[in-house]
PDB file of all heavy atoms in Angstrom:
ATOM      1  N   ALA A   1       0.831  -1.203   0.000  1.00  0.00           N
ATOM      2  CA  ALA A   1       0.000   0.000   0.000  1.00  0.00           C
ATOM      3  C   ALA A   1       0.867   1.256   0.000  1.00  0.00           C
ATOM      4  O   ALA A   1       0.564   2.240  -0.659  1.00  0.00           O
ATOM      5  CB  ALA A   1      -0.915  -0.003   1.223  1.00  0.00           C
ATOM      6  N   SER A   2       1.984   1.234   0.735  1.00  0.00           N
ATOM      7  CA  SER A   2       2.831   2.418   0.797  1.00  0.00           C
ATOM      8  C   SER A   2       3.562   2.669  -0.507  1.00  0.00           C
ATOM      9  O   SER A   2       3.933   3.790  -0.819  1.00  0.00           O
ATOM     10  CB  SER A   2       3.858   2.278   1.930  1.00  0.00           C
ATOM     11  OG  SER A   2       4.758   1.216   1.635  1.00  0.00           O
ATOM     12  N   GLU A   3       3.758   1.612  -1.299  1.00  0.00           N
ATOM     13  CA  GLU A   3       4.447   1.771  -2.576  1.00  0.00           C
ATOM     14  C   GLU A   3       3.494   2.106  -3.709  1.00  0.00           C
ATOM     15  O   GLU A   3       3.905   2.461  -4.798  1.00  0.00           O
ATOM     16  CB  GLU A   3       5.214   0.490  -2.903  1.00  0.00           C
ATOM     17  CG  GLU A   3       6.372   0.220  -1.937  1.00  0.00           C
ATOM     18  CD  GLU A   3       6.967  -1.162  -2.150  1.00  0.00           C
ATOM     19  OE1 GLU A   3       6.480  -1.872  -3.062  1.00  0.00           O
ATOM     20  OE2 GLU A   3       7.902  -1.522  -1.417  1.00  0.00           O
ATOM     21  N   ALA A   4       2.193   1.978  -3.457  1.00  0.00           N
ATOM     22  CA  ALA A   4       1.227   2.271  -4.507  1.00  0.00           C
ATOM     23  C   ALA A   4       1.264   3.766  -4.816  1.00  0.00           C
ATOM     24  O   ALA A   4       1.412   4.599  -3.918  1.00  0.00           O
ATOM     25  CB  ALA A   4      -0.179   1.873  -4.056  1.00  0.00           C
ATOM     26  N   PRO A   5       1.138   4.130  -6.093  1.00  0.00           N
ATOM     27  CA  PRO A   5       1.192   5.549  -6.436  1.00  0.00           C
ATOM     28  C   PRO A   5       0.018   6.309  -5.844  1.00  0.00           C
ATOM     29  O   PRO A   5      -1.098   5.810  -5.792  1.00  0.00           O
ATOM     30  CB  PRO A   5       1.141   5.539  -7.973  1.00  0.00           C
ATOM     31  CG  PRO A   5       0.502   4.233  -8.331  1.00  0.00           C
ATOM     32  CD  PRO A   5       0.930   3.272  -7.264  1.00  0.00           C
ATOM     33  N   THR A   6       0.251   7.492  -5.360  1.00  0.00           N
ATOM     34  CA  THR A   6      -0.796   8.334  -4.812  1.00  0.00           C
ATOM     35  C   THR A   6      -0.829   9.647  -5.565  1.00  0.00           C
ATOM     36  O   THR A   6       0.169  10.107  -6.108  1.00  0.00           O
ATOM     37  CB  THR A   6      -0.540   8.620  -3.313  1.00  0.00           C
ATOM     38  OG1 THR A   6       0.739   9.242  -3.174  1.00  0.00           O
ATOM     39  CG2 THR A   6      -0.567   7.330  -2.507  1.00  0.00           C
ATOM     40  N   ALA A   7      -2.016  10.235  -5.603  1.00  0.00           N
ATOM     41  CA  ALA A   7      -2.167  11.508  -6.299  1.00  0.00           C
ATOM     42  C   ALA A   7      -1.432  12.610  -5.535  1.00  0.00           C
ATOM     43  O   ALA A   7      -1.484  12.664  -4.313  1.00  0.00           O
ATOM     44  CB  ALA A   7      -3.646  11.860  -6.419  1.00  0.00           C
ATOM     45  N   GLY A   8      -0.721  13.457  -6.269  1.00  0.00           N
ATOM     46  CA  GLY A   8       0.007  14.545  -5.632  1.00  0.00           C
ATOM     47  C   GLY A   8      -0.937  15.622  -5.144  1.00  0.00           C
ATOM     48  O   GLY A   8      -2.128  15.641  -5.492  1.00  0.00           O
ATOM     49  N   PRO A   9      -0.452  16.537  -4.327  1.00  0.00           N
ATOM     50  CA  PRO A   9      -1.303  17.611  -3.831  1.00  0.00           C
ATOM     51  C   PRO A   9      -1.722  18.547  -4.945  1.00  0.00           C
ATOM     52  O   PRO A   9      -0.991  18.746  -5.910  1.00  0.00           O
ATOM     53  CB  PRO A   9      -0.401  18.317  -2.805  1.00  0.00           C
ATOM     54  CG  PRO A   9       0.997  17.997  -3.242  1.00  0.00           C
ATOM     55  CD  PRO A   9       0.931  16.615  -3.827  1.00  0.00           C
ATOM     56  N   TRP A  10      -2.911  19.105  -4.806  1.00  0.00           N
ATOM     57  CA  TRP A  10      -3.399  20.049  -5.806  1.00  0.00           C
ATOM     58  C   TRP A  10      -2.526  21.300  -5.774  1.00  0.00           C
ATOM     59  O   TRP A  10      -2.208  21.809  -4.699  1.00  0.00           O
ATOM     60  CB  TRP A  10      -4.847  20.411  -5.519  1.00  0.00           C
ATOM     61  CG  TRP A  10      -5.476  21.276  -6.567  1.00  0.00           C
ATOM     62  CD1 TRP A  10      -6.081  20.865  -7.709  1.00  0.00           C
ATOM     63  CD2 TRP A  10      -5.539  22.706  -6.570  1.00  0.00           C
ATOM     64  NE1 TRP A  10      -6.522  21.940  -8.431  1.00  0.00           N
ATOM     65  CE2 TRP A  10      -6.207  23.084  -7.758  1.00  0.00           C
ATOM     66  CE3 TRP A  10      -5.104  23.690  -5.699  1.00  0.00           C
ATOM     67  CZ2 TRP A  10      -6.452  24.404  -8.085  1.00  0.00           C
ATOM     68  CZ3 TRP A  10      -5.339  25.023  -6.023  1.00  0.00           C
ATOM     69  CH2 TRP A  10      -6.013  25.369  -7.199  1.00  0.00           C
ATOM     70  N   ALA A  11      -2.120  21.772  -6.925  1.00  0.00           N
ATOM     71  CA  ALA A  11      -1.216  22.922  -6.988  1.00  0.00           C
ATOM     72  C   ALA A  11      -1.730  23.911  -8.029  1.00  0.00           C
ATOM     73  O   ALA A  11      -1.952  23.541  -9.186  1.00  0.00           O
ATOM     74  CB  ALA A  11       0.198  22.482  -7.338  1.00  0.00           C
ATOM     75  N   PRO A  12      -1.909  25.176  -7.650  1.00  0.00           N
ATOM     76  CA  PRO A  12      -2.320  26.177  -8.627  1.00  0.00           C
ATOM     77  C   PRO A  12      -1.166  26.549  -9.547  1.00  0.00           C
ATOM     78  O   PRO A  12      -0.038  26.728  -9.099  1.00  0.00           O
ATOM     79  CB  PRO A  12      -2.737  27.366  -7.754  1.00  0.00           C
ATOM     80  CG  PRO A  12      -1.903  27.220  -6.519  1.00  0.00           C
ATOM     81  CD  PRO A  12      -1.735  25.739  -6.300  1.00  0.00           C
ATOM     82  N   VAL A  13      -1.448  26.669 -10.828  1.00  0.00           N
ATOM     83  CA  VAL A  13      -0.452  27.141 -11.788  1.00  0.00           C
ATOM     84  C   VAL A  13      -0.500  28.666 -11.884  1.00  0.00           C
ATOM     85  O   VAL A  13       0.526  29.323 -12.023  1.00  0.00           O
ATOM     86  CB  VAL A  13      -0.693  26.511 -13.174  1.00  0.00           C
ATOM     87  CG1 VAL A  13       0.302  27.050 -14.192  1.00  0.00           C
ATOM     88  CG2 VAL A  13      -0.588  25.006 -13.091  1.00  0.00           C
ATOM     89  N   ILE A  14      -1.706  29.211 -11.800  1.00  0.00           N
ATOM     90  CA  ILE A  14      -1.910  30.652 -11.834  1.00  0.00           C
ATOM     91  C   ILE A  14      -2.788  31.040 -10.657  1.00  0.00           C
ATOM     92  O   ILE A  14      -3.796  30.384 -10.381  1.00  0.00           O
ATOM     93  CB  ILE A  14      -2.571  31.103 -13.155  1.00  0.00           C
ATOM     94  CG1 ILE A  14      -1.665  30.790 -14.349  1.00  0.00           C
ATOM     95  CG2 ILE A  14      -2.899  32.594 -13.128  1.00  0.00           C
ATOM     96  CD1 ILE A  14      -2.329  31.035 -15.697  1.00  0.00           C
ATOM     97  N   ALA A  15      -2.409  32.078  -9.944  1.00  0.00           N
ATOM     98  CA  ALA A  15      -3.244  32.652  -8.895  1.00  0.00           C
ATOM     99  C   ALA A  15      -3.773  33.995  -9.370  1.00  0.00           C
ATOM    100  O   ALA A  15      -3.091  34.720 -10.103  1.00  0.00           O
ATOM    101  CB  ALA A  15      -2.454  32.821  -7.595  1.00  0.00           C
ATOM    102  N   PHE A  16      -4.998  34.322  -8.965  1.00  0.00           N
ATOM    103  CA  PHE A  16      -5.577  35.602  -9.345  1.00  0.00           C
ATOM    104  C   PHE A  16      -6.516  36.085  -8.244  1.00  0.00           C
ATOM    105  O   PHE A  16      -7.004  35.297  -7.430  1.00  0.00           O
ATOM    106  CB  PHE A  16      -6.312  35.510 -10.687  1.00  0.00           C
ATOM    107  CG  PHE A  16      -7.469  34.545 -10.709  1.00  0.00           C
ATOM    108  CD1 PHE A  16      -8.767  34.969 -10.443  1.00  0.00           C
ATOM    109  CD2 PHE A  16      -7.266  33.200 -11.007  1.00  0.00           C
ATOM    110  CE1 PHE A  16      -9.837  34.088 -10.472  1.00  0.00           C
ATOM    111  CE2 PHE A  16      -8.326  32.305 -11.036  1.00  0.00           C
ATOM    112  CZ  PHE A  16      -9.619  32.738 -10.766  1.00  0.00           C
ATOM    113  N   ALA A  17      -6.745  37.384  -8.225  1.00  0.00           N
ATOM    114  CA  ALA A  17      -7.638  37.990  -7.243  1.00  0.00           C
ATOM    115  C   ALA A  17      -9.000  38.204  -7.873  1.00  0.00           C
ATOM    116  O   ALA A  17      -9.112  38.661  -9.016  1.00  0.00           O
ATOM    117  CB  ALA A  17      -7.058  39.307  -6.740  1.00  0.00           C
ATOM    118  N   ALA A  18     -10.059  37.884  -7.109  1.00  0.00           N
ATOM    119  CA  ALA A  18     -11.426  38.089  -7.569  1.00  0.00           C
ATOM    120  C   ALA A  18     -12.342  38.182  -6.354  1.00  0.00           C
ATOM    121  O   ALA A  18     -12.208  37.393  -5.410  1.00  0.00           O
ATOM    122  CB  ALA A  18     -11.882  36.956  -8.489  1.00  0.00           C
ATOM    123  N   GLY A  19     -13.247  39.136  -6.372  1.00  0.00           N
ATOM    124  CA  GLY A  19     -14.229  39.248  -5.303  1.00  0.00           C
ATOM    125  C   GLY A  19     -13.648  39.503  -3.933  1.00  0.00           C
ATOM    126  O   GLY A  19     -14.303  39.235  -2.929  1.00  0.00           O
ATOM    127  N   GLY A  20     -12.415  39.982  -3.848  1.00  0.00           N
ATOM    128  CA  GLY A  20     -11.774  40.206  -2.566  1.00  0.00           C
ATOM    129  C   GLY A  20     -11.055  38.999  -2.021  1.00  0.00           C
ATOM    130  O   GLY A  20     -10.477  39.063  -0.931  1.00  0.00           O
ATOM    131  N   SER A  21     -11.054  37.874  -2.759  1.00  0.00           N
ATOM    132  CA  SER A  21     -10.368  36.650  -2.349  1.00  0.00           C
ATOM    133  C   SER A  21      -9.267  36.312  -3.347  1.00  0.00           C
ATOM    134  O   SER A  21      -9.180  36.918  -4.416  1.00  0.00           O
ATOM    135  CB  SER A  21     -11.361  35.480  -2.249  1.00  0.00           C
ATOM    136  OG  SER A  21     -12.348  35.711  -1.261  1.00  0.00           O
ATOM    137  N   ILE A  22      -8.435  35.327  -2.990  1.00  0.00           N
ATOM    138  CA  ILE A  22      -7.393  34.825  -3.891  1.00  0.00           C
ATOM    139  C   ILE A  22      -7.790  33.433  -4.363  1.00  0.00           C
ATOM    140  O   ILE A  22      -8.126  32.563  -3.541  1.00  0.00           O
ATOM    141  CB  ILE A  22      -6.015  34.761  -3.197  1.00  0.00           C
ATOM    142  CG1 ILE A  22      -5.614  36.132  -2.653  1.00  0.00           C
ATOM    143  CG2 ILE A  22      -4.959  34.240  -4.162  1.00  0.00           C
ATOM    144  CD1 ILE A  22      -5.355  37.182  -3.690  1.00  0.00           C
ATOM    145  N   TYR A  23      -7.756  33.221  -5.672  1.00  0.00           N
ATOM    146  CA  TYR A  23      -8.110  31.935  -6.274  1.00  0.00           C
ATOM    147  C   TYR A  23      -6.912  31.379  -7.042  1.00  0.00           C
ATOM    148  O   TYR A  23      -5.988  32.113  -7.413  1.00  0.00           O
ATOM    149  CB  TYR A  23      -9.299  32.093  -7.229  1.00  0.00           C
ATOM    150  CG  TYR A  23     -10.599  32.405  -6.530  1.00  0.00           C
ATOM    151  CD1 TYR A  23     -10.936  33.718  -6.209  1.00  0.00           C
ATOM    152  CD2 TYR A  23     -11.478  31.386  -6.172  1.00  0.00           C
ATOM    153  CE1 TYR A  23     -12.120  34.009  -5.545  1.00  0.00           C
ATOM    154  CE2 TYR A  23     -12.676  31.676  -5.519  1.00  0.00           C
ATOM    155  CZ  TYR A  23     -12.991  32.979  -5.207  1.00  0.00           C
ATOM    156  OH  TYR A  23     -14.154  33.254  -4.549  1.00  0.00           O
ATOM    157  N   GLY A  24      -6.961  30.086  -7.302  1.00  0.00           N
ATOM    158  CA  GLY A  24      -5.946  29.437  -8.105  1.00  0.00           C
ATOM    159  C   GLY A  24      -6.589  28.552  -9.154  1.00  0.00           C
ATOM    160  O   GLY A  24      -7.692  28.026  -8.946  1.00  0.00           O
ATOM    161  N   VAL A  25      -5.927  28.400 -10.277  1.00  0.00           N
ATOM    162  CA  VAL A  25      -6.378  27.486 -11.328  1.00  0.00           C
ATOM    163  C   VAL A  25      -5.222  26.566 -11.673  1.00  0.00           C
ATOM    164  O   VAL A  25      -4.079  27.012 -11.806  1.00  0.00           O
ATOM    165  CB  VAL A  25      -6.885  28.259 -12.573  1.00  0.00           C
ATOM    166  CG1 VAL A  25      -5.826  29.206 -13.115  1.00  0.00           C
ATOM    167  CG2 VAL A  25      -7.349  27.292 -13.661  1.00  0.00           C
ATOM    168  N   ASP A  26      -5.492  25.260 -11.768  1.00  0.00           N
ATOM    169  CA  ASP A  26      -4.430  24.317 -12.093  1.00  0.00           C
ATOM    170  C   ASP A  26      -4.377  24.074 -13.592  1.00  0.00           C
ATOM    171  O   ASP A  26      -5.165  24.646 -14.370  1.00  0.00           O
ATOM    172  CB  ASP A  26      -4.585  23.011 -11.309  1.00  0.00           C
ATOM    173  CG  ASP A  26      -5.816  22.203 -11.704  1.00  0.00           C
ATOM    174  OD1 ASP A  26      -6.523  22.594 -12.657  1.00  0.00           O
ATOM    175  OD2 ASP A  26      -6.083  21.180 -11.047  1.00  0.00           O
ATOM    176  N   ALA A  27      -3.461  23.215 -14.015  1.00  0.00           N
ATOM    177  CA  ALA A  27      -3.245  22.986 -15.445  1.00  0.00           C
ATOM    178  C   ALA A  27      -4.457  22.348 -16.117  1.00  0.00           C
ATOM    179  O   ALA A  27      -4.631  22.481 -17.325  1.00  0.00           O
ATOM    180  CB  ALA A  27      -2.012  22.109 -15.650  1.00  0.00           C
ATOM    181  N   ALA A  28      -5.296  21.657 -15.326  1.00  0.00           N
ATOM    182  CA  ALA A  28      -6.483  21.022 -15.880  1.00  0.00           C
ATOM    183  C   ALA A  28      -7.670  21.967 -15.943  1.00  0.00           C
ATOM    184  O   ALA A  28      -8.741  21.584 -16.411  1.00  0.00           O
ATOM    185  CB  ALA A  28      -6.839  19.788 -15.049  1.00  0.00           C
ATOM    186  N   GLY A  29      -7.511  23.187 -15.457  1.00  0.00           N
ATOM    187  CA  GLY A  29      -8.597  24.148 -15.484  1.00  0.00           C
ATOM    188  C   GLY A  29      -9.476  24.145 -14.249  1.00  0.00           C
ATOM    189  O   GLY A  29     -10.526  24.795 -14.235  1.00  0.00           O
TER     190      GLY A  29
END
């Protein structure tokens, strides 16, 4: 189980400001 591949953490490629908050979008949209 420890050697089985696991999904990596979600990572934003681009960050942007909207509505007074900070958002991120990853490569998959």
